[in-house]
Amino acid sequence: MPNILIGGQRKEIGKLFELLLWQPDRTFTNAYTLDKCIRQVRDSSPDLLIFDGSIDTSERCFSALTELKRNQATADIPIILLTHPAYDSEVKTRLMLIADAQLQEPFSPSEIKTVIKQFI
C-alpha cells in the first residue's frame, strides 16, 4: 500500500493532491511544518514525499532535503518539489538538485498525475 507524505503548510495543496491521487490502496499523511515533515519521513519511510518549498525558509528546506538524501535510510524516497514562479531562480536550482521531480504552480491535474505516476 503506497504511503504518500505531503509536506507543506498550505492545507489546500495537501487536499488537492489527496483528491487527485486517491486510490483505495493509497494512504496520505500531511505534515504542516518542516520539522514534522522530516520527522515523519524518518519515522514512517513514505513511498513518496511531495514537498512544498514554501514550508520554511529556502536554507532550511535545502538543509533538510540534503539530509534526507544523504541518510541511507531515506535516500531512496522520491521527492517531488512544488515550486512557485516567483521563487528566486538560484533557490529553485539548489532545491532541484536534490528533488527527483518538480511541479511548478500553477499545475494541472494531468501534470500532477503524470509526474506522480513516475514514482508510484
N, C-alpha and C. Protein backbone atom coordinates (compact mmCIF):
# COMPACT_ATOMS: atom_id res chain seq x y z
N MET A 1 0.85 -1.18 0.00
CA MET A 1 0.00 0.00 0.00
C MET A 1 0.90 1.24 0.00
N PRO A 2 0.94 2.01 -1.09
CA PRO A 2 1.76 3.21 -1.14
C PRO A 2 1.32 4.27 -0.12
N ASN A 3 2.31 4.79 0.58
CA ASN A 3 2.08 5.86 1.55
C ASN A 3 2.72 7.13 1.00
N ILE A 4 1.90 8.17 0.85
CA ILE A 4 2.37 9.44 0.31
C ILE A 4 2.35 10.48 1.42
N LEU A 5 3.50 11.11 1.65
CA LEU A 5 3.60 12.19 2.63
C LEU A 5 3.61 13.52 1.89
N ILE A 6 2.72 14.41 2.32
CA ILE A 6 2.64 15.74 1.72
C ILE A 6 3.13 16.74 2.76
N GLY A 7 4.28 17.34 2.49
CA GLY A 7 4.88 18.29 3.41
C GLY A 7 4.67 19.71 2.92
N GLY A 8 3.88 20.46 3.65
CA GLY A 8 3.63 21.85 3.26
C GLY A 8 2.64 22.50 4.20
N GLN A 9 2.78 23.78 4.38
CA GLN A 9 1.90 24.49 5.32
C GLN A 9 0.54 24.85 4.73
N ARG A 10 0.41 24.72 3.42
CA ARG A 10 -0.87 25.07 2.78
C ARG A 10 -1.77 23.83 2.72
N LYS A 11 -2.73 23.78 3.60
CA LYS A 11 -3.61 22.61 3.71
C LYS A 11 -4.37 22.34 2.42
N GLU A 12 -4.68 23.39 1.68
CA GLU A 12 -5.44 23.21 0.44
C GLU A 12 -4.63 22.47 -0.62
N ILE A 13 -3.31 22.62 -0.60
CA ILE A 13 -2.47 21.87 -1.54
C ILE A 13 -2.48 20.39 -1.18
N GLY A 14 -2.38 20.10 0.10
CA GLY A 14 -2.45 18.70 0.54
C GLY A 14 -3.76 18.06 0.15
N LYS A 15 -4.86 18.77 0.34
CA LYS A 15 -6.19 18.25 -0.01
C LYS A 15 -6.30 18.05 -1.52
N LEU A 16 -5.78 18.98 -2.31
CA LEU A 16 -5.81 18.85 -3.76
C LEU A 16 -5.10 17.56 -4.20
N PHE A 17 -3.92 17.32 -3.67
CA PHE A 17 -3.18 16.11 -4.05
C PHE A 17 -3.91 14.85 -3.60
N GLU A 18 -4.49 14.88 -2.42
CA GLU A 18 -5.24 13.71 -1.95
C GLU A 18 -6.42 13.42 -2.88
N LEU A 19 -7.14 14.45 -3.28
CA LEU A 19 -8.30 14.25 -4.16
C LEU A 19 -7.88 13.75 -5.54
N LEU A 20 -6.82 14.30 -6.08
CA LEU A 20 -6.39 13.91 -7.43
C LEU A 20 -5.74 12.53 -7.48
N LEU A 21 -5.08 12.15 -6.39
CA LEU A 21 -4.30 10.91 -6.41
C LEU A 21 -4.96 9.77 -5.66
N TRP A 22 -6.13 9.99 -5.12
CA TRP A 22 -6.78 8.98 -4.30
C TRP A 22 -7.00 7.69 -5.08
N GLN A 23 -6.64 6.60 -4.44
CA GLN A 23 -6.95 5.25 -4.88
C GLN A 23 -7.12 4.43 -3.61
N PRO A 24 -7.90 3.37 -3.66
CA PRO A 24 -8.18 2.60 -2.43
C PRO A 24 -6.93 2.06 -1.73
N ASP A 25 -5.87 1.83 -2.49
CA ASP A 25 -4.68 1.24 -1.88
C ASP A 25 -3.65 2.28 -1.42
N ARG A 26 -3.96 3.56 -1.49
CA ARG A 26 -3.02 4.60 -1.10
C ARG A 26 -3.42 5.25 0.22
N THR A 27 -2.41 5.60 1.00
CA THR A 27 -2.65 6.38 2.22
C THR A 27 -1.91 7.70 2.10
N PHE A 28 -2.47 8.71 2.73
CA PHE A 28 -1.89 10.05 2.68
C PHE A 28 -1.67 10.56 4.10
N THR A 29 -0.53 11.20 4.29
CA THR A 29 -0.21 11.84 5.56
C THR A 29 0.23 13.26 5.24
N ASN A 30 -0.20 14.20 6.07
CA ASN A 30 0.19 15.59 5.88
C ASN A 30 1.06 16.05 7.04
N ALA A 31 2.07 16.84 6.73
CA ALA A 31 2.93 17.47 7.73
C ALA A 31 2.95 18.96 7.40
N TYR A 32 2.55 19.78 8.37
CA TYR A 32 2.38 21.21 8.10
C TYR A 32 3.57 22.07 8.52
N THR A 33 4.60 21.45 9.08
CA THR A 33 5.83 22.18 9.39
C THR A 33 7.01 21.37 8.86
N LEU A 34 8.11 22.03 8.64
CA LEU A 34 9.30 21.34 8.12
C LEU A 34 9.79 20.28 9.11
N ASP A 35 9.85 20.64 10.38
CA ASP A 35 10.34 19.68 11.38
C ASP A 35 9.46 18.43 11.44
N LYS A 36 8.14 18.62 11.41
CA LYS A 36 7.23 17.47 11.44
C LYS A 36 7.39 16.63 10.17
N CYS A 37 7.57 17.28 9.05
CA CYS A 37 7.74 16.57 7.78
C CYS A 37 8.98 15.67 7.84
N ILE A 38 10.09 16.22 8.27
CA ILE A 38 11.34 15.45 8.33
C ILE A 38 11.21 14.31 9.33
N ARG A 39 10.59 14.58 10.46
CA ARG A 39 10.39 13.54 11.48
C ARG A 39 9.53 12.40 10.92
N GLN A 40 8.46 12.75 10.19
CA GLN A 40 7.59 11.72 9.63
C GLN A 40 8.29 10.91 8.55
N VAL A 41 9.15 11.54 7.77
CA VAL A 41 9.92 10.80 6.77
C VAL A 41 10.79 9.76 7.47
N ARG A 42 11.48 10.19 8.50
CA ARG A 42 12.37 9.27 9.24
C ARG A 42 11.59 8.15 9.92
N ASP A 43 10.44 8.50 10.50
CA ASP A 43 9.67 7.52 11.28
C ASP A 43 8.87 6.54 10.43
N SER A 44 8.34 7.01 9.30
CA SER A 44 7.42 6.17 8.54
C SER A 44 7.92 5.74 7.17
N SER A 45 9.03 6.28 6.71
CA SER A 45 9.58 5.94 5.40
C SER A 45 8.50 5.87 4.32
N PRO A 46 7.91 7.03 3.97
CA PRO A 46 6.87 7.01 2.94
C PRO A 46 7.42 6.56 1.59
N ASP A 47 6.53 6.17 0.71
CA ASP A 47 6.93 5.76 -0.63
C ASP A 47 7.18 6.95 -1.54
N LEU A 48 6.66 8.11 -1.12
CA LEU A 48 6.81 9.33 -1.91
C LEU A 48 6.64 10.53 -0.99
N LEU A 49 7.49 11.54 -1.18
CA LEU A 49 7.36 12.81 -0.46
C LEU A 49 7.04 13.90 -1.46
N ILE A 50 5.88 14.52 -1.28
CA ILE A 50 5.53 15.71 -2.07
C ILE A 50 5.84 16.89 -1.16
N PHE A 51 6.82 17.71 -1.56
CA PHE A 51 7.38 18.73 -0.68
C PHE A 51 7.15 20.12 -1.24
N ASP A 52 6.39 20.91 -0.51
CA ASP A 52 6.11 22.30 -0.89
C ASP A 52 7.27 23.16 -0.40
N GLY A 53 8.00 23.73 -1.32
CA GLY A 53 9.17 24.53 -0.99
C GLY A 53 8.89 25.77 -0.16
N SER A 54 7.63 26.14 -0.01
CA SER A 54 7.29 27.32 0.80
C SER A 54 7.03 26.96 2.25
N ILE A 55 7.30 25.72 2.66
CA ILE A 55 7.03 25.28 4.03
C ILE A 55 7.90 26.02 5.05
N ASP A 56 9.07 26.49 4.63
CA ASP A 56 10.01 27.15 5.54
C ASP A 56 10.96 27.99 4.68
N THR A 57 12.02 28.51 5.29
CA THR A 57 12.99 29.28 4.52
C THR A 57 13.71 28.37 3.54
N SER A 58 14.20 28.94 2.47
CA SER A 58 14.87 28.13 1.46
C SER A 58 16.10 27.43 2.03
N GLU A 59 16.83 28.08 2.91
CA GLU A 59 18.01 27.45 3.52
C GLU A 59 17.64 26.23 4.35
N ARG A 60 16.60 26.36 5.16
CA ARG A 60 16.17 25.23 5.99
C ARG A 60 15.64 24.09 5.12
N CYS A 61 14.90 24.43 4.07
CA CYS A 61 14.40 23.39 3.16
C CYS A 61 15.57 22.67 2.49
N PHE A 62 16.52 23.42 2.00
CA PHE A 62 17.68 22.83 1.33
C PHE A 62 18.43 21.91 2.29
N SER A 63 18.68 22.37 3.51
CA SER A 63 19.39 21.56 4.50
C SER A 63 18.64 20.28 4.83
N ALA A 64 17.32 20.39 5.01
CA ALA A 64 16.51 19.23 5.38
C ALA A 64 16.48 18.20 4.25
N LEU A 65 16.28 18.66 3.02
CA LEU A 65 16.23 17.73 1.89
C LEU A 65 17.60 17.09 1.64
N THR A 66 18.66 17.87 1.81
CA THR A 66 20.01 17.34 1.66
C THR A 66 20.25 16.23 2.69
N GLU A 67 19.84 16.48 3.92
CA GLU A 67 19.99 15.49 4.99
C GLU A 67 19.24 14.20 4.65
N LEU A 68 18.01 14.34 4.12
CA LEU A 68 17.24 13.15 3.76
C LEU A 68 17.94 12.34 2.67
N LYS A 69 18.49 13.01 1.68
CA LYS A 69 19.13 12.31 0.56
C LYS A 69 20.49 11.71 0.96
N ARG A 70 21.11 12.25 1.99
CA ARG A 70 22.40 11.71 2.46
C ARG A 70 22.22 10.54 3.43
N ASN A 71 21.05 10.47 4.04
CA ASN A 71 20.78 9.42 5.02
C ASN A 71 20.42 8.13 4.27
N GLN A 72 21.14 7.08 4.56
CA GLN A 72 20.93 5.81 3.85
C GLN A 72 19.50 5.29 4.00
N ALA A 73 18.88 5.54 5.14
CA ALA A 73 17.52 5.04 5.39
C ALA A 73 16.46 5.80 4.60
N THR A 74 16.75 7.03 4.18
CA THR A 74 15.73 7.85 3.50
C THR A 74 16.16 8.28 2.09
N ALA A 75 17.36 7.95 1.68
CA ALA A 75 17.90 8.43 0.41
C ALA A 75 17.09 8.01 -0.81
N ASP A 76 16.44 6.85 -0.75
CA ASP A 76 15.72 6.33 -1.91
C ASP A 76 14.27 6.80 -2.00
N ILE A 77 13.82 7.59 -1.05
CA ILE A 77 12.44 8.10 -1.09
C ILE A 77 12.38 9.22 -2.13
N PRO A 78 11.57 9.06 -3.17
CA PRO A 78 11.47 10.11 -4.18
C PRO A 78 10.85 11.38 -3.59
N ILE A 79 11.41 12.51 -4.00
CA ILE A 79 10.91 13.82 -3.56
C ILE A 79 10.42 14.58 -4.77
N ILE A 80 9.16 15.00 -4.71
CA ILE A 80 8.61 15.87 -5.74
C ILE A 80 8.50 17.26 -5.11
N LEU A 81 9.18 18.20 -5.70
CA LEU A 81 9.24 19.56 -5.18
C LEU A 81 8.17 20.43 -5.85
N LEU A 82 7.36 21.09 -5.03
CA LEU A 82 6.39 22.05 -5.54
C LEU A 82 7.01 23.43 -5.46
N THR A 83 7.02 24.14 -6.58
CA THR A 83 7.61 25.48 -6.61
C THR A 83 6.60 26.48 -7.17
N HIS A 84 6.96 27.73 -7.02
CA HIS A 84 6.12 28.83 -7.49
C HIS A 84 6.97 29.67 -8.44
N PRO A 85 6.37 30.24 -9.49
CA PRO A 85 7.16 31.03 -10.44
C PRO A 85 7.92 32.20 -9.79
N ALA A 86 7.43 32.67 -8.66
CA ALA A 86 8.07 33.81 -8.01
C ALA A 86 9.33 33.43 -7.23
N TYR A 87 9.61 32.13 -7.10
CA TYR A 87 10.81 31.70 -6.38
C TYR A 87 12.05 32.25 -7.08
N ASP A 88 12.99 32.64 -6.30
CA ASP A 88 14.29 33.05 -6.82
C ASP A 88 14.88 31.88 -7.60
N SER A 89 15.42 32.14 -8.77
CA SER A 89 15.92 31.05 -9.62
C SER A 89 17.07 30.30 -8.96
N GLU A 90 17.90 30.98 -8.19
CA GLU A 90 19.00 30.30 -7.51
C GLU A 90 18.47 29.34 -6.44
N VAL A 91 17.45 29.77 -5.71
CA VAL A 91 16.83 28.92 -4.69
C VAL A 91 16.22 27.69 -5.36
N LYS A 92 15.47 27.91 -6.43
CA LYS A 92 14.82 26.80 -7.14
C LYS A 92 15.86 25.82 -7.67
N THR A 93 16.95 26.33 -8.21
CA THR A 93 18.01 25.47 -8.75
C THR A 93 18.63 24.62 -7.65
N ARG A 94 18.91 25.21 -6.50
CA ARG A 94 19.50 24.45 -5.38
C ARG A 94 18.56 23.34 -4.93
N LEU A 95 17.28 23.66 -4.79
CA LEU A 95 16.33 22.65 -4.33
C LEU A 95 16.15 21.55 -5.38
N MET A 96 16.18 21.92 -6.65
CA MET A 96 16.01 20.94 -7.73
C MET A 96 17.19 19.98 -7.82
N LEU A 97 18.35 20.38 -7.33
CA LEU A 97 19.49 19.46 -7.32
C LEU A 97 19.23 18.26 -6.43
N ILE A 98 18.32 18.41 -5.48
CA ILE A 98 18.02 17.35 -4.52
C ILE A 98 16.76 16.59 -4.90
N ALA A 99 15.78 17.31 -5.42
CA ALA A 99 14.48 16.70 -5.73
C ALA A 99 14.58 15.77 -6.94
N ASP A 100 13.67 14.81 -6.97
CA ASP A 100 13.61 13.87 -8.09
C ASP A 100 12.75 14.39 -9.23
N ALA A 101 11.85 15.31 -8.91
CA ALA A 101 10.97 15.92 -9.92
C ALA A 101 10.46 17.24 -9.36
N GLN A 102 9.92 18.06 -10.25
CA GLN A 102 9.40 19.35 -9.86
C GLN A 102 8.03 19.57 -10.50
N LEU A 103 7.16 20.20 -9.74
CA LEU A 103 5.89 20.70 -10.26
C LEU A 103 5.84 22.19 -9.94
N GLN A 104 5.71 23.00 -10.98
CA GLN A 104 5.65 24.45 -10.75
C GLN A 104 4.22 24.92 -10.84
N GLU A 105 3.81 25.72 -9.85
CA GLU A 105 2.46 26.28 -9.88
C GLU A 105 2.36 27.29 -11.01
N PRO A 106 1.22 27.43 -11.62
CA PRO A 106 0.03 26.61 -11.43
C PRO A 106 0.20 25.29 -12.17
N PHE A 107 -0.15 24.20 -11.51
CA PHE A 107 -0.04 22.90 -12.14
C PHE A 107 -1.43 22.36 -12.42
N SER A 108 -1.51 21.56 -13.47
CA SER A 108 -2.80 20.99 -13.87
C SER A 108 -2.96 19.60 -13.27
N PRO A 109 -4.18 19.12 -13.13
CA PRO A 109 -4.40 17.76 -12.63
C PRO A 109 -3.67 16.70 -13.47
N SER A 110 -3.67 16.86 -14.78
CA SER A 110 -3.00 15.85 -15.61
C SER A 110 -1.49 15.90 -15.40
N GLU A 111 -0.93 17.06 -15.21
CA GLU A 111 0.51 17.18 -14.95
C GLU A 111 0.87 16.51 -13.62
N ILE A 112 0.05 16.73 -12.60
CA ILE A 112 0.28 16.11 -11.29
C ILE A 112 0.28 14.59 -11.43
N LYS A 113 -0.75 14.06 -12.09
CA LYS A 113 -0.89 12.60 -12.24
C LYS A 113 0.28 12.02 -13.04
N THR A 114 0.71 12.71 -14.07
CA THR A 114 1.80 12.23 -14.91
C THR A 114 3.10 12.14 -14.10
N VAL A 115 3.40 13.17 -13.33
CA VAL A 115 4.63 13.17 -12.55
C VAL A 115 4.58 12.12 -11.44
N ILE A 116 3.47 12.02 -10.75
CA ILE A 116 3.33 11.04 -9.66
C ILE A 116 3.45 9.61 -10.19
N LYS A 117 2.90 9.37 -11.36
CA LYS A 117 2.93 8.03 -11.96
C LYS A 117 4.35 7.51 -12.18
N GLN A 118 5.29 8.41 -12.31
CA GLN A 118 6.70 8.02 -12.49
C GLN A 118 7.27 7.36 -11.24
N PHE A 119 6.67 7.63 -10.09
CA PHE A 119 7.25 7.20 -8.82
C PHE A 119 6.43 6.17 -8.05
N ILE A 120 5.17 6.03 -8.38
CA ILE A 120 4.31 5.06 -7.67
C ILE A 120 3.74 4.08 -8.68
